[in-house]
Protein backbone atom coordinates (compact mmCIF):
# COMPACT_ATOMS: atom_id res chain seq x y z
CA GLN A 1 -47.61 11.66 -264.43
CA VAL A 2 -49.45 14.76 -263.26
CA GLN A 3 -52.85 15.19 -264.83
CA VAL A 4 -56.13 17.01 -264.29
CA VAL A 5 -59.63 15.85 -265.20
CA GLU A 6 -62.61 18.16 -265.54
CA SER A 7 -66.23 17.22 -264.95
CA GLY A 8 -69.61 18.85 -264.41
CA GLY A 9 -70.34 20.39 -267.79
CA GLY A 10 -73.64 20.06 -269.57
CA LEU A 11 -76.62 21.81 -271.09
CA VAL A 12 -78.36 24.45 -268.99
CA GLN A 13 -80.96 27.13 -269.66
CA PRO A 14 -80.07 30.82 -269.42
CA GLY A 15 -80.11 31.89 -265.80
CA GLY A 16 -79.24 28.42 -264.60
CA SER A 17 -76.24 27.13 -262.66
CA LEU A 18 -73.52 24.53 -263.02
CA ARG A 19 -70.56 23.52 -260.89
CA LEU A 20 -67.42 22.36 -262.61
CA SER A 21 -64.84 20.22 -260.85
CA CYS A 22 -61.21 19.56 -261.68
CA ALA A 23 -59.55 16.60 -260.00
CA ALA A 24 -55.76 16.77 -259.98
CA SER A 25 -53.19 14.08 -259.41
CA GLY A 26 -49.72 14.54 -258.02
CA SER A 27 -48.51 16.21 -254.84
CA ILE A 28 -48.09 19.81 -255.93
CA PHE A 29 -51.74 20.87 -256.07
CA SER A 30 -51.68 22.98 -252.92
CA ARG A 31 -48.55 24.83 -253.99
CA VAL A 32 -49.47 25.99 -257.47
CA VAL A 33 -51.83 28.37 -259.19
CA MET A 34 -54.96 26.68 -260.44
CA ALA A 35 -57.09 28.23 -263.16
CA TRP A 36 -60.14 27.81 -265.34
CA TYR A 37 -60.04 28.79 -269.00
CA ARG A 38 -62.69 28.57 -271.69
CA GLN A 39 -62.74 28.48 -275.45
CA ALA A 40 -65.83 29.26 -277.47
CA PRO A 41 -66.16 28.21 -281.13
CA GLY A 42 -64.07 30.45 -283.34
CA LYS A 43 -62.53 32.29 -280.42
CA GLN A 44 -59.24 32.18 -278.57
CA ARG A 45 -58.95 30.45 -275.24
CA GLU A 46 -59.42 32.95 -272.41
CA LEU A 47 -58.70 32.93 -268.70
CA VAL A 48 -61.92 32.82 -266.68
CA ALA A 49 -60.62 32.65 -263.11
CA ALA A 50 -57.48 31.79 -261.21
CA ILE A 51 -56.63 31.08 -257.59
CA ASP A 52 -53.12 30.92 -256.17
CA SER A 53 -51.75 28.91 -253.25
CA ALA A 54 -52.57 31.71 -250.79
CA GLY A 55 -56.16 31.93 -251.99
CA SER A 56 -55.86 35.14 -254.00
CA ILE A 57 -58.39 35.14 -256.81
CA ASN A 58 -58.80 36.86 -260.15
CA TYR A 59 -61.76 36.80 -262.54
CA VAL A 60 -62.30 38.00 -266.06
CA ASP A 61 -64.68 40.97 -265.95
CA SER A 62 -67.44 39.16 -267.82
CA VAL A 63 -67.97 36.60 -265.02
CA LYS A 64 -67.47 38.77 -261.93
CA GLY A 65 -70.38 38.43 -259.57
CA ARG A 66 -71.63 35.28 -261.29
CA PHE A 67 -68.79 32.74 -261.06
CA THR A 68 -66.89 31.59 -257.99
CA ILE A 69 -63.60 29.71 -258.09
CA SER A 70 -62.50 27.66 -255.09
CA ARG A 71 -60.06 24.91 -254.22
CA ASP A 72 -60.00 22.03 -251.76
CA ASN A 73 -56.35 21.22 -251.17
CA ALA A 74 -57.19 18.15 -249.10
CA LYS A 75 -59.01 16.68 -252.09
CA SER A 76 -56.70 18.17 -254.75
CA THR A 77 -59.81 19.50 -256.45
CA LEU A 78 -60.60 22.82 -258.07
CA TYR A 79 -64.16 24.07 -258.51
CA LEU A 80 -65.98 26.67 -260.55
CA GLN A 81 -69.49 27.54 -259.42
CA MET A 82 -71.29 29.23 -262.30
CA ASN A 83 -74.55 31.06 -261.63
CA SER A 84 -76.77 33.26 -263.79
CA LEU A 85 -75.39 31.59 -266.88
CA LYS A 86 -75.73 33.35 -270.22
CA PRO A 87 -75.59 32.00 -273.78
CA GLU A 88 -72.24 33.74 -274.20
CA ASP A 89 -70.81 31.50 -271.47
CA THR A 90 -71.12 28.58 -273.88
CA ALA A 91 -67.64 27.11 -274.36
CA VAL A 92 -65.35 24.25 -273.56
CA TYR A 93 -63.99 24.87 -270.08
CA TYR A 94 -60.46 23.77 -269.26
CA CYS A 95 -58.63 23.37 -265.98
CA ARG A 96 -54.94 24.27 -265.76
CA GLN A 97 -52.59 23.24 -262.96
CA GLY A 98 -49.47 25.30 -262.59
CA PRO A 99 -47.92 26.65 -265.78
CA GLY A 100 -48.57 23.83 -268.15
CA VAL A 101 -50.81 20.92 -267.12
CA TRP A 102 -54.13 21.05 -268.93
CA GLY A 103 -57.21 18.89 -268.83
CA GLN A 104 -59.21 17.70 -271.80
CA GLY A 105 -62.04 20.11 -271.15
CA THR A 106 -65.74 19.88 -270.39
CA GLN A 107 -68.46 21.35 -272.59
CA VAL A 108 -70.82 23.94 -271.15
CA THR A 109 -73.80 24.90 -273.30
CA VAL A 110 -76.23 27.60 -272.24
CA SER A 111 -79.32 27.53 -274.39
CA ALA A 112 -83.08 27.65 -274.15
């Protein structure tokens, strides 16, 4: 059964950094789009960043210049480096593999 597991969330002060990881099982990792989403309390889940099998990347405007998505196909792992974090980045962050495999999420809280 294909699954993904996120890690790396936590509490950080404004301006701080975190790196999220998403470990994927199965053999299709290198061939599919991988993405990070987030859902803040009372809000809809939104796409944060995505990277396809060729390495093309898209970001939501609110994180451009602060977040970096990357993938290590040899390790079947997706990353999200988050710098200059703001309170509005507080959310549960989810990893998605391909069109429909989701992780359980990892909480990111940005607060003084």
